């Protein structure tokens, strides 16, 4: 929830997917930066996504998993 950070002017916040709960629900995290550090927050979010890979829901079939894997490969190469 980024609302508390909306009260601080110019405080950049980004939400990133972190995986799935044991019930298959999506989970996420937040990366918060110092005031006016937008570029840093975006760089950290991209590095996290590249290092973590794209999370795949546990209940999806193999076709959907291969699409998610391809998306992760494209994100790492950019």
C-alpha atoms as a PDB file:
ATOM      1  CA  UNK A   1       0.000   0.000   0.000  1.00  0.00           C
ATOM      2  CA  UNK A   2       1.686   3.175  -1.150  1.00  0.00           C
ATOM      3  CA  UNK A   3      -0.741   5.556   0.633  1.00  0.00           C
ATOM      4  CA  UNK A   4       1.553   6.503   3.564  1.00  0.00           C
ATOM      5  CA  UNK A   5       4.235   7.492   1.093  1.00  0.00           C
ATOM      6  CA  UNK A   6       1.795   9.653  -0.868  1.00  0.00           C
ATOM      7  CA  UNK A   7       1.808  12.012   2.107  1.00  0.00           C
ATOM      8  CA  UNK A   8       5.511  12.732   1.655  1.00  0.00           C
ATOM      9  CA  UNK A   9       5.942  15.034  -1.334  1.00  0.00           C
ATOM     10  CA  UNK A  10       8.249  13.705  -4.051  1.00  0.00           C
ATOM     11  CA  UNK A  11       8.853  10.381  -2.271  1.00  0.00           C
ATOM     12  CA  UNK A  12       9.060   7.738  -5.034  1.00  0.00           C
ATOM     13  CA  UNK A  13       7.455   4.358  -4.361  1.00  0.00           C
ATOM     14  CA  UNK A  14       7.019   1.356  -6.635  1.00  0.00           C
ATOM     15  CA  UNK A  15       5.193  -1.902  -6.053  1.00  0.00           C
ATOM     16  CA  UNK A  16       6.811  -5.101  -7.338  1.00  0.00           C
ATOM     17  CA  UNK A  17       5.474  -8.654  -7.562  1.00  0.00           C
ATOM     18  CA  UNK A  18       7.249 -11.023  -5.183  1.00  0.00           C
ATOM     19  CA  UNK A  19       5.504 -14.314  -5.799  1.00  0.00           C
ATOM     20  CA  UNK A  20       2.451 -16.159  -4.603  1.00  0.00           C
ATOM     21  CA  UNK A  21       1.130 -17.246  -1.228  1.00  0.00           C
ATOM     22  CA  UNK A  22       0.518 -20.885  -0.382  1.00  0.00           C
ATOM     23  CA  UNK A  23      -3.112 -20.232  -1.418  1.00  0.00           C
ATOM     24  CA  UNK A  24      -2.004 -19.044  -4.858  1.00  0.00           C
ATOM     25  CA  UNK A  25      -2.728 -15.360  -4.187  1.00  0.00           C
ATOM     26  CA  UNK A  26      -0.264 -12.819  -5.579  1.00  0.00           C
ATOM     27  CA  UNK A  27       2.077 -11.108  -3.131  1.00  0.00           C
ATOM     28  CA  UNK A  28       4.069  -7.943  -3.566  1.00  0.00           C
ATOM     29  CA  UNK A  29       6.539  -5.621  -1.982  1.00  0.00           C
ATOM     30  CA  UNK A  30       7.371  -1.961  -2.113  1.00  0.00           C
ATOM     31  CA  UNK A  31      10.575  -0.170  -2.912  1.00  0.00           C
ATOM     32  CA  UNK A  32      10.735   3.306  -1.407  1.00  0.00           C
ATOM     33  CA  UNK A  33      13.335   5.929  -2.194  1.00  0.00           C
ATOM     34  CA  UNK A  34      14.475   9.225  -0.833  1.00  0.00           C
ATOM     35  CA  UNK A  35      12.816  12.363  -2.113  1.00  0.00           C
ATOM     36  CA  UNK A  36      13.444  12.919  -5.824  1.00  0.00           C
ATOM     37  CA  UNK A  37      15.264   9.554  -6.176  1.00  0.00           C
ATOM     38  CA  UNK A  38      12.895   8.274  -8.866  1.00  0.00           C
ATOM     39  CA  UNK A  39      15.672   6.916 -11.082  1.00  0.00           C
ATOM     40  CA  UNK A  40      17.186   4.967  -8.184  1.00  0.00           C
ATOM     41  CA  UNK A  41      13.841   3.395  -7.267  1.00  0.00           C
ATOM     42  CA  UNK A  42      13.215   2.358 -10.878  1.00  0.00           C
ATOM     43  CA  UNK A  43      16.729   0.916 -11.185  1.00  0.00           C
ATOM     44  CA  UNK A  44      16.316  -1.097  -7.968  1.00  0.00           C
ATOM     45  CA  UNK A  45      12.894  -2.374  -9.116  1.00  0.00           C
ATOM     46  CA  UNK A  46      14.339  -3.462 -12.469  1.00  0.00           C
ATOM     47  CA  UNK A  47      17.312  -5.159 -10.775  1.00  0.00           C
ATOM     48  CA  UNK A  48      14.906  -6.973  -8.435  1.00  0.00           C
ATOM     49  CA  UNK A  49      12.755  -8.168 -11.330  1.00  0.00           C
ATOM     50  CA  UNK A  50      15.760  -9.373 -13.315  1.00  0.00           C
ATOM     51  CA  UNK A  51      17.311 -11.158 -10.317  1.00  0.00           C
ATOM     52  CA  UNK A  52      14.046 -12.633  -9.055  1.00  0.00           C
ATOM     53  CA  UNK A  53      12.586 -13.683 -12.400  1.00  0.00           C
ATOM     54  CA  UNK A  54       8.892 -13.418 -13.105  1.00  0.00           C
ATOM     55  CA  UNK A  55       6.830 -15.301 -10.476  1.00  0.00           C
ATOM     56  CA  UNK A  56       4.488 -17.938 -11.867  1.00  0.00           C
ATOM     57  CA  UNK A  57       1.231 -18.856 -10.126  1.00  0.00           C
ATOM     58  CA  UNK A  58       1.362 -22.420  -8.788  1.00  0.00           C
ATOM     59  CA  UNK A  59      -1.986 -23.407 -10.322  1.00  0.00           C
ATOM     60  CA  UNK A  60      -1.348 -22.392 -13.927  1.00  0.00           C
ATOM     61  CA  UNK A  61      -0.798 -24.922 -16.688  1.00  0.00           C
ATOM     62  CA  UNK A  62       2.433 -25.424 -18.613  1.00  0.00           C
ATOM     63  CA  UNK A  63       1.381 -23.206 -21.545  1.00  0.00           C
ATOM     64  CA  UNK A  64       0.823 -20.236 -19.243  1.00  0.00           C
ATOM     65  CA  UNK A  65       4.055 -20.961 -17.388  1.00  0.00           C
ATOM     66  CA  UNK A  66       6.025 -20.885 -20.643  1.00  0.00           C
ATOM     67  CA  UNK A  67       4.491 -17.507 -21.516  1.00  0.00           C
ATOM     68  CA  UNK A  68       5.450 -16.163 -18.071  1.00  0.00           C
ATOM     69  CA  UNK A  69       8.971 -17.592 -18.455  1.00  0.00           C
ATOM     70  CA  UNK A  70       9.363 -15.896 -21.841  1.00  0.00           C
ATOM     71  CA  UNK A  71       8.232 -12.605 -20.293  1.00  0.00           C
ATOM     72  CA  UNK A  72      10.896 -13.028 -17.592  1.00  0.00           C
ATOM     73  CA  UNK A  73      13.598 -13.688 -20.211  1.00  0.00           C
ATOM     74  CA  UNK A  74      12.642 -10.548 -22.104  1.00  0.00           C
ATOM     75  CA  UNK A  75      12.716  -8.459 -18.903  1.00  0.00           C
ATOM     76  CA  UNK A  76      16.214  -9.728 -18.037  1.00  0.00           C
ATOM     77  CA  UNK A  77      17.567  -8.972 -21.513  1.00  0.00           C
ATOM     78  CA  UNK A  78      16.374  -5.355 -21.556  1.00  0.00           C
END
